[in-house]
Protein backbone atom coordinates (compact mmCIF):
# COMPACT_ATOMS: atom_id res chain seq x y z
CA ALA A 1 89.61 93.63 108.36
CA GLY A 2 86.21 95.27 108.56
CA ILE A 3 85.33 98.23 106.35
CA GLY A 4 88.73 98.60 104.84
CA LYS A 5 88.75 95.07 103.73
CA CYS A 6 85.22 95.31 102.26
CA VAL A 7 86.21 98.51 100.29
CA ALA A 8 89.41 96.80 99.01
CA MET A 9 87.42 93.78 97.98
CA ASP A 10 84.94 95.98 96.02
CA LEU A 11 87.47 97.97 94.27
CA ALA A 12 89.51 94.69 93.34
CA ARG A 13 86.13 93.34 91.98
CA ARG A 14 85.94 96.43 89.86
CA ASN A 15 89.39 95.41 88.40
CA ALA A 16 91.15 98.32 90.24
CA ARG A 17 94.78 98.07 91.14
CA THR A 18 94.36 98.00 94.86
CA ILE A 19 97.01 98.75 97.39
CA LEU A 20 96.34 97.55 101.05
CA ALA A 21 98.17 99.71 103.47
CA CYS A 22 98.55 97.59 106.58
CA ARG A 23 100.48 97.76 109.81
CA SER A 24 100.98 93.98 110.04
CA ARG A 25 102.62 92.21 107.27
CA GLU A 26 101.15 88.90 108.13
CA ARG A 27 97.50 90.13 108.48
CA GLY A 28 97.89 92.28 105.44
CA GLN A 29 99.22 89.42 103.21
CA ALA A 30 96.47 87.15 104.29
CA ALA A 31 93.96 89.71 103.21
CA VAL A 32 95.71 90.30 99.85
CA GLU A 33 95.62 86.57 99.15
CA GLU A 34 91.95 86.39 100.17
CA ILE A 35 91.06 89.43 98.00
CA ARG A 36 92.91 88.04 95.03
CA ALA A 37 91.22 84.64 95.34
CA ALA A 38 87.80 85.97 95.85
CA THR A 39 88.05 88.52 92.85
CA GLY A 40 90.55 86.87 90.47
CA ASN A 41 92.28 90.29 90.32
CA PRO A 42 96.09 89.69 90.59
CA ALA A 43 96.67 93.51 91.01
CA VAL A 44 96.18 93.52 94.73
CA ALA A 45 99.28 94.82 96.41
CA LEU A 46 100.42 95.13 100.15
CA ARG A 47 102.42 98.08 101.46
CA LEU A 48 103.31 98.53 105.03
CA LEU A 49 101.98 101.76 106.72
CA ASP A 50 101.58 102.77 110.20
CA THR A 51 99.53 106.02 110.45
CA GLY A 52 100.69 106.33 114.05
CA SER A 53 104.13 107.03 112.78
CA LEU A 54 104.67 110.19 110.62
CA ALA A 55 107.94 108.75 109.41
CA SER A 56 106.01 105.60 108.10
CA VAL A 57 103.44 107.88 106.53
CA ARG A 58 106.17 109.84 104.79
CA ALA A 59 107.92 106.63 103.60
CA PHE A 60 104.69 105.13 102.30
CA ALA A 61 103.77 108.35 100.29
CA SER A 62 107.08 108.59 98.84
CA ALA A 63 107.04 105.01 97.68
CA VAL A 64 103.56 105.33 96.25
CA LEU A 65 104.54 108.55 94.31
CA ARG A 66 107.58 107.08 93.11
CA GLU A 67 106.15 103.65 92.07
CA GLU A 68 102.61 104.32 90.94
CA PRO A 69 101.91 106.10 87.78
CA ARG A 70 98.66 107.64 89.11
CA LEU A 71 96.37 107.47 92.13
CA ASP A 72 92.55 107.63 91.61
CA VAL A 73 91.05 106.90 94.88
CA LEU A 74 92.42 107.15 98.49
CA VAL A 75 90.34 105.55 101.30
CA ASN A 76 91.69 106.68 104.81
CA ASN A 77 90.29 104.00 107.13
CA ALA A 78 92.82 103.73 109.91
CA GLY A 79 91.61 103.96 113.34
CA VAL A 80 92.14 102.91 116.94
CA THR A 81 90.29 103.39 120.11
CA GLY A 82 90.61 102.52 123.69
CA LEU A 83 94.42 102.53 123.76
CA PRO A 84 95.95 103.75 126.98
CA PHE A 85 97.50 107.26 126.92
CA ALA A 86 100.89 107.13 124.94
CA ILE A 87 103.21 109.22 123.27
CA THR A 88 104.81 108.38 120.08
CA SER A 89 108.65 108.53 119.43
CA GLU A 90 107.80 111.85 117.40
CA GLY A 91 106.31 113.30 120.63
CA LEU A 92 102.65 113.00 119.71
CA GLU A 93 99.73 111.38 121.44
CA GLN A 94 99.35 107.94 119.81
CA THR A 95 95.50 107.87 119.21
CA PHE A 96 95.26 111.40 117.73
CA THR A 97 98.21 110.63 115.48
CA THR A 98 96.88 107.32 114.23
CA ASN A 99 93.37 108.52 113.72
CA TYR A 100 93.87 112.04 112.43
CA LEU A 101 97.43 113.51 112.00
CA GLY A 102 98.72 110.39 109.97
CA PRO A 103 95.67 110.19 107.56
CA PHE A 104 95.85 114.04 107.21
CA LEU A 105 99.49 114.01 106.32
CA LEU A 106 99.19 111.09 103.99
CA THR A 107 96.31 112.73 102.07
CA ASN A 108 98.28 116.03 101.69
CA LEU A 109 101.59 114.21 100.62
CA LEU A 110 99.78 112.23 97.93
CA LEU A 111 98.08 115.18 96.53
CA GLY A 112 101.36 116.14 94.95
């Protein structure tokens, strides 16, 4: 939803292979179908990613590096606010991990 979906829509309109990285399979798949229908671009894919989990970030990055021949653009757009204080299973504060550590790790892993 929001800015991320708008950016994905614009990239798909430009005929880019576009990967939506979403926490929710249901919401992500709905966005993929909407973007494909609006742009006529069948090369819009869904991959599950939770930037609040460093294990999820590592798995996502590994799959992208293994499956995609190249990566031209990365848009880090994950963000949460107003969550109650919580510690992840990895021992990190949830909001900080989701908004900063996860995207930072993802970017660095995808740099190769």
